[in-house]
């Protein structure tokens, strides 16, 4: 533990942010898996609903500063490609 007051505060703040970032990253992974499961079940309706929810979670992660906007766009694009491939069949 640091001795300087501002350094002590930075340790506490960085730990708080680490936990929050971890929770959001976990949520993003969960919705990605939900979309993948919906695509495997070959239900276009379920896949589109899961994709919509995934977009919401990913956009919120960007707003919180957990993901970079380009990383979020890449993830959303990859998920959309899987869902579109399913609906094209």
C-alpha atoms as a PDB file:
ATOM      1  CA  UNK A   1       0.000   0.000   0.000  1.00  0.00           C
ATOM      2  CA  UNK A   2       1.401   3.411  -0.942  1.00  0.00           C
ATOM      3  CA  UNK A   3       2.215   6.047   1.655  1.00  0.00           C
ATOM      4  CA  UNK A   4       1.105   9.117  -0.285  1.00  0.00           C
ATOM      5  CA  UNK A   5      -2.573   9.984   0.060  1.00  0.00           C
ATOM      6  CA  UNK A   6      -3.210  10.517  -3.659  1.00  0.00           C
ATOM      7  CA  UNK A   7      -1.489   7.227  -4.501  1.00  0.00           C
ATOM      8  CA  UNK A   8      -3.693   5.426  -1.953  1.00  0.00           C
ATOM      9  CA  UNK A   9      -6.742   6.910  -3.620  1.00  0.00           C
ATOM     10  CA  UNK A  10      -5.545   5.846  -7.078  1.00  0.00           C
ATOM     11  CA  UNK A  11      -5.193   2.259  -5.815  1.00  0.00           C
ATOM     12  CA  UNK A  12      -8.787   2.287  -4.573  1.00  0.00           C
ATOM     13  CA  UNK A  13     -10.146   3.932  -7.718  1.00  0.00           C
ATOM     14  CA  UNK A  14      -8.278   1.607 -10.058  1.00  0.00           C
ATOM     15  CA  UNK A  15      -9.565  -1.436  -8.174  1.00  0.00           C
ATOM     16  CA  UNK A  16     -13.134  -0.148  -8.370  1.00  0.00           C
ATOM     17  CA  UNK A  17     -12.762   0.482 -12.107  1.00  0.00           C
ATOM     18  CA  UNK A  18     -11.166  -2.939 -12.655  1.00  0.00           C
ATOM     19  CA  UNK A  19     -14.154  -4.672 -11.069  1.00  0.00           C
ATOM     20  CA  UNK A  20     -16.627  -2.609 -13.105  1.00  0.00           C
ATOM     21  CA  UNK A  21     -14.736  -3.254 -16.354  1.00  0.00           C
ATOM     22  CA  UNK A  22     -14.582  -6.970 -15.573  1.00  0.00           C
ATOM     23  CA  UNK A  23     -18.363  -7.094 -15.097  1.00  0.00           C
ATOM     24  CA  UNK A  24     -19.051  -5.310 -18.398  1.00  0.00           C
ATOM     25  CA  UNK A  25     -16.585  -7.452 -20.334  1.00  0.00           C
ATOM     26  CA  UNK A  26     -18.238 -10.536 -18.884  1.00  0.00           C
ATOM     27  CA  UNK A  27     -21.653  -9.237 -19.956  1.00  0.00           C
ATOM     28  CA  UNK A  28     -20.362  -8.677 -23.493  1.00  0.00           C
ATOM     29  CA  UNK A  29     -19.027 -12.244 -23.629  1.00  0.00           C
ATOM     30  CA  UNK A  30     -22.343 -13.582 -22.321  1.00  0.00           C
ATOM     31  CA  UNK A  31     -24.425 -11.860 -24.975  1.00  0.00           C
ATOM     32  CA  UNK A  32     -21.969 -13.006 -27.655  1.00  0.00           C
ATOM     33  CA  UNK A  33     -22.488 -16.589 -26.492  1.00  0.00           C
ATOM     34  CA  UNK A  34     -26.257 -16.084 -26.398  1.00  0.00           C
ATOM     35  CA  UNK A  35     -26.212 -14.977 -30.042  1.00  0.00           C
ATOM     36  CA  UNK A  36     -24.061 -17.968 -30.980  1.00  0.00           C
ATOM     37  CA  UNK A  37     -26.482 -20.331 -29.226  1.00  0.00           C
ATOM     38  CA  UNK A  38     -29.463 -18.716 -30.952  1.00  0.00           C
ATOM     39  CA  UNK A  39     -27.747 -19.141 -34.321  1.00  0.00           C
ATOM     40  CA  UNK A  40     -27.035 -22.812 -33.559  1.00  0.00           C
ATOM     41  CA  UNK A  41     -30.695 -23.362 -32.712  1.00  0.00           C
ATOM     42  CA  UNK A  42     -31.457 -22.123 -36.278  1.00  0.00           C
ATOM     43  CA  UNK A  43     -34.263 -19.859 -35.068  1.00  0.00           C
ATOM     44  CA  UNK A  44     -33.991 -16.586 -36.968  1.00  0.00           C
ATOM     45  CA  UNK A  45     -36.413 -14.830 -34.626  1.00  0.00           C
ATOM     46  CA  UNK A  46     -34.476 -15.798 -31.501  1.00  0.00           C
ATOM     47  CA  UNK A  47     -31.199 -14.894 -33.174  1.00  0.00           C
ATOM     48  CA  UNK A  48     -32.441 -11.413 -34.100  1.00  0.00           C
ATOM     49  CA  UNK A  49     -33.699 -10.813 -30.555  1.00  0.00           C
ATOM     50  CA  UNK A  50     -30.375 -11.967 -29.101  1.00  0.00           C
ATOM     51  CA  UNK A  51     -28.527  -9.742 -31.575  1.00  0.00           C
ATOM     52  CA  UNK A  52     -30.618  -6.736 -30.570  1.00  0.00           C
ATOM     53  CA  UNK A  53     -29.864  -7.342 -26.899  1.00  0.00           C
ATOM     54  CA  UNK A  54     -26.179  -7.813 -27.711  1.00  0.00           C
ATOM     55  CA  UNK A  55     -26.135  -4.438 -29.485  1.00  0.00           C
ATOM     56  CA  UNK A  56     -27.575  -2.787 -26.375  1.00  0.00           C
ATOM     57  CA  UNK A  57     -25.001  -4.318 -24.040  1.00  0.00           C
ATOM     58  CA  UNK A  58     -22.073  -3.577 -26.359  1.00  0.00           C
ATOM     59  CA  UNK A  59     -23.178   0.041 -26.845  1.00  0.00           C
ATOM     60  CA  UNK A  60     -23.487   0.510 -23.088  1.00  0.00           C
ATOM     61  CA  UNK A  61     -19.998  -0.905 -22.620  1.00  0.00           C
ATOM     62  CA  UNK A  62     -18.716   1.719 -25.065  1.00  0.00           C
ATOM     63  CA  UNK A  63     -20.576   4.459 -23.193  1.00  0.00           C
ATOM     64  CA  UNK A  64     -18.970   3.325 -19.931  1.00  0.00           C
ATOM     65  CA  UNK A  65     -15.528   3.378 -21.529  1.00  0.00           C
ATOM     66  CA  UNK A  66     -14.959  -0.361 -21.224  1.00  0.00           C
ATOM     67  CA  UNK A  67     -14.727  -1.001 -24.975  1.00  0.00           C
ATOM     68  CA  UNK A  68     -13.327   1.196 -27.722  1.00  0.00           C
ATOM     69  CA  UNK A  69     -15.924   2.179 -30.315  1.00  0.00           C
ATOM     70  CA  UNK A  70     -14.062   0.427 -33.129  1.00  0.00           C
ATOM     71  CA  UNK A  71     -13.758  -2.770 -31.100  1.00  0.00           C
ATOM     72  CA  UNK A  72     -17.483  -2.615 -30.418  1.00  0.00           C
ATOM     73  CA  UNK A  73     -18.228  -2.074 -34.100  1.00  0.00           C
ATOM     74  CA  UNK A  74     -16.090  -5.084 -34.988  1.00  0.00           C
ATOM     75  CA  UNK A  75     -17.879  -7.292 -32.460  1.00  0.00           C
ATOM     76  CA  UNK A  76     -21.316  -6.149 -33.589  1.00  0.00           C
ATOM     77  CA  UNK A  77     -20.366  -6.731 -37.221  1.00  0.00           C
ATOM     78  CA  UNK A  78     -19.214 -10.267 -36.537  1.00  0.00           C
ATOM     79  CA  UNK A  79     -22.401 -11.078 -34.652  1.00  0.00           C
ATOM     80  CA  UNK A  80     -24.562  -9.560 -37.390  1.00  0.00           C
ATOM     81  CA  UNK A  81     -22.746 -11.598 -40.030  1.00  0.00           C
ATOM     82  CA  UNK A  82     -23.612 -14.826 -38.205  1.00  0.00           C
ATOM     83  CA  UNK A  83     -27.271 -13.847 -37.850  1.00  0.00           C
ATOM     84  CA  UNK A  84     -27.543 -12.742 -41.491  1.00  0.00           C
ATOM     85  CA  UNK A  85     -26.007 -15.994 -42.655  1.00  0.00           C
ATOM     86  CA  UNK A  86     -28.676 -17.841 -40.705  1.00  0.00           C
ATOM     87  CA  UNK A  87     -31.557 -15.788 -42.111  1.00  0.00           C
ATOM     88  CA  UNK A  88     -30.179 -16.165 -45.669  1.00  0.00           C
ATOM     89  CA  UNK A  89     -30.530 -19.953 -45.443  1.00  0.00           C
END
